[in-house]
């Protein structure tokens, strides 16, 4: 669940960053995908750390 939420937040932030820089449609999609992947990786690491510390 953390990974999915992190991916959505990352995609939204990436789209916002691309729009702020004046990007066109493909730029917004590219930034959203890149930030979504990066944030989901952080979410995976957070999930692993939380799971390891609880056991």
N, C-alpha and C. Protein backbone atom coordinates (compact mmCIF):
# COMPACT_ATOMS: atom_id res chain seq x y z
N UNK A 1 0.82 -1.19 0.00
CA UNK A 1 0.00 0.00 0.00
C UNK A 1 0.87 1.26 0.00
N UNK A 2 1.95 1.20 0.74
CA UNK A 2 2.86 2.35 0.79
C UNK A 2 3.45 2.61 -0.59
N UNK A 3 3.78 1.55 -1.31
CA UNK A 3 4.38 1.69 -2.63
C UNK A 3 3.41 2.35 -3.59
N UNK A 4 2.16 1.94 -3.57
CA UNK A 4 1.16 2.50 -4.47
C UNK A 4 0.91 3.98 -4.18
N UNK A 5 0.81 4.33 -2.92
CA UNK A 5 0.59 5.73 -2.54
C UNK A 5 1.81 6.57 -2.92
N UNK A 6 2.99 6.04 -2.68
CA UNK A 6 4.22 6.76 -3.03
C UNK A 6 4.31 6.98 -4.54
N UNK A 7 3.91 5.98 -5.33
CA UNK A 7 3.94 6.12 -6.78
C UNK A 7 2.97 7.19 -7.25
N UNK A 8 1.79 7.24 -6.66
CA UNK A 8 0.81 8.27 -7.02
C UNK A 8 1.29 9.67 -6.65
N UNK A 9 1.86 9.79 -5.46
CA UNK A 9 2.38 11.09 -5.03
C UNK A 9 3.54 11.50 -5.94
N UNK A 10 4.41 10.57 -6.28
CA UNK A 10 5.52 10.87 -7.17
C UNK A 10 5.07 11.28 -8.55
N UNK A 11 4.07 10.61 -9.08
CA UNK A 11 3.56 10.96 -10.41
C UNK A 11 2.93 12.35 -10.40
N UNK A 12 2.18 12.64 -9.34
CA UNK A 12 1.57 13.97 -9.24
C UNK A 12 2.63 15.05 -9.11
N UNK A 13 3.64 14.79 -8.30
CA UNK A 13 4.72 15.76 -8.13
C UNK A 13 5.50 15.95 -9.43
N UNK A 14 5.75 14.86 -10.15
CA UNK A 14 6.45 14.94 -11.42
C UNK A 14 5.68 15.73 -12.45
N UNK A 15 4.38 15.51 -12.52
CA UNK A 15 3.54 16.26 -13.46
C UNK A 15 3.54 17.74 -13.10
N UNK A 16 3.47 18.03 -11.81
CA UNK A 16 3.50 19.43 -11.36
C UNK A 16 4.84 20.08 -11.71
N UNK A 17 5.93 19.35 -11.51
CA UNK A 17 7.25 19.89 -11.81
C UNK A 17 7.41 20.17 -13.30
N UNK A 18 6.90 19.27 -14.13
CA UNK A 18 6.99 19.47 -15.58
C UNK A 18 6.15 20.65 -16.03
N UNK A 19 4.96 20.79 -15.47
CA UNK A 19 4.10 21.93 -15.83
C UNK A 19 4.74 23.24 -15.39
N UNK A 20 5.37 23.24 -14.23
CA UNK A 20 6.01 24.45 -13.72
C UNK A 20 7.15 24.88 -14.62
N UNK A 21 7.83 23.92 -15.25
CA UNK A 21 8.93 24.23 -16.15
C UNK A 21 8.45 24.52 -17.57
N UNK A 22 7.15 24.48 -17.80
CA UNK A 22 6.60 24.80 -19.11
C UNK A 22 6.61 23.64 -20.09
N UNK A 23 6.56 22.42 -19.60
CA UNK A 23 6.63 21.26 -20.46
C UNK A 23 5.33 20.97 -21.19
N UNK A 24 5.46 20.33 -22.33
CA UNK A 24 4.29 19.91 -23.11
C UNK A 24 3.78 18.56 -22.58
N UNK A 25 2.83 17.98 -23.29
CA UNK A 25 2.19 16.75 -22.83
C UNK A 25 3.14 15.59 -22.60
N UNK A 26 4.05 15.35 -23.57
CA UNK A 26 4.99 14.23 -23.41
C UNK A 26 5.98 14.50 -22.29
N UNK A 27 6.35 15.75 -22.10
CA UNK A 27 7.26 16.09 -21.00
C UNK A 27 6.60 15.79 -19.65
N UNK A 28 5.33 16.15 -19.54
CA UNK A 28 4.60 15.90 -18.30
C UNK A 28 4.50 14.40 -18.05
N UNK A 29 4.22 13.62 -19.10
CA UNK A 29 4.12 12.17 -18.94
C UNK A 29 5.47 11.56 -18.55
N UNK A 30 6.54 12.06 -19.14
CA UNK A 30 7.87 11.55 -18.85
C UNK A 30 8.26 11.86 -17.40
N UNK A 31 8.05 13.09 -16.97
CA UNK A 31 8.36 13.46 -15.60
C UNK A 31 7.49 12.67 -14.62
N UNK A 32 6.21 12.51 -14.93
CA UNK A 32 5.32 11.77 -14.04
C UNK A 32 5.78 10.32 -13.91
N UNK A 33 6.16 9.70 -15.01
CA UNK A 33 6.63 8.31 -14.96
C UNK A 33 7.93 8.19 -14.17
N UNK A 34 8.87 9.08 -14.44
CA UNK A 34 10.16 9.02 -13.75
C UNK A 34 10.02 9.24 -12.25
N UNK A 35 9.27 10.26 -11.87
CA UNK A 35 9.07 10.53 -10.45
C UNK A 35 8.25 9.42 -9.79
N UNK A 36 7.27 8.88 -10.52
CA UNK A 36 6.49 7.78 -9.97
C UNK A 36 7.34 6.56 -9.68
N UNK A 37 8.25 6.23 -10.59
CA UNK A 37 9.15 5.09 -10.38
C UNK A 37 10.09 5.36 -9.22
N UNK A 38 10.65 6.57 -9.17
CA UNK A 38 11.59 6.90 -8.09
C UNK A 38 10.89 6.86 -6.72
N UNK A 39 9.70 7.43 -6.63
CA UNK A 39 9.00 7.44 -5.36
C UNK A 39 8.55 6.03 -4.97
N UNK A 40 8.19 5.19 -5.95
CA UNK A 40 7.80 3.83 -5.61
C UNK A 40 8.99 3.02 -5.10
N UNK A 41 10.19 3.27 -5.62
CA UNK A 41 11.37 2.61 -5.08
C UNK A 41 11.63 3.02 -3.63
N UNK A 42 11.43 4.30 -3.34
CA UNK A 42 11.55 4.76 -1.95
C UNK A 42 10.48 4.08 -1.09
N UNK A 43 9.29 3.91 -1.65
CA UNK A 43 8.22 3.21 -0.93
C UNK A 43 8.55 1.76 -0.65
N UNK A 44 9.21 1.10 -1.60
CA UNK A 44 9.63 -0.29 -1.40
C UNK A 44 10.65 -0.36 -0.27
N UNK A 45 11.62 0.55 -0.29
CA UNK A 45 12.62 0.56 0.78
C UNK A 45 11.97 0.84 2.14
N UNK A 46 11.02 1.76 2.17
CA UNK A 46 10.32 2.06 3.43
C UNK A 46 9.55 0.83 3.91
N UNK A 47 8.91 0.11 3.01
CA UNK A 47 8.17 -1.09 3.37
C UNK A 47 9.10 -2.16 3.93
N UNK A 48 10.25 -2.33 3.29
CA UNK A 48 11.22 -3.32 3.78
C UNK A 48 11.72 -2.95 5.17
N UNK A 49 12.04 -1.69 5.37
CA UNK A 49 12.54 -1.25 6.68
C UNK A 49 11.48 -1.42 7.75
N UNK A 50 10.25 -1.05 7.45
CA UNK A 50 9.15 -1.20 8.43
C UNK A 50 8.92 -2.67 8.76
N UNK A 51 8.95 -3.52 7.73
CA UNK A 51 8.73 -4.95 7.97
C UNK A 51 9.86 -5.56 8.79
N UNK A 52 11.08 -5.17 8.49
CA UNK A 52 12.22 -5.73 9.23
C UNK A 52 12.24 -5.29 10.68
N UNK A 53 11.85 -4.06 10.96
CA UNK A 53 11.90 -3.58 12.33
C UNK A 53 10.76 -4.12 13.19
N UNK A 54 9.68 -4.57 12.56
CA UNK A 54 8.54 -5.10 13.32
C UNK A 54 8.74 -6.55 13.71
N UNK A 55 9.61 -7.26 13.04
CA UNK A 55 9.79 -8.69 13.33
C UNK A 55 10.92 -8.91 14.29
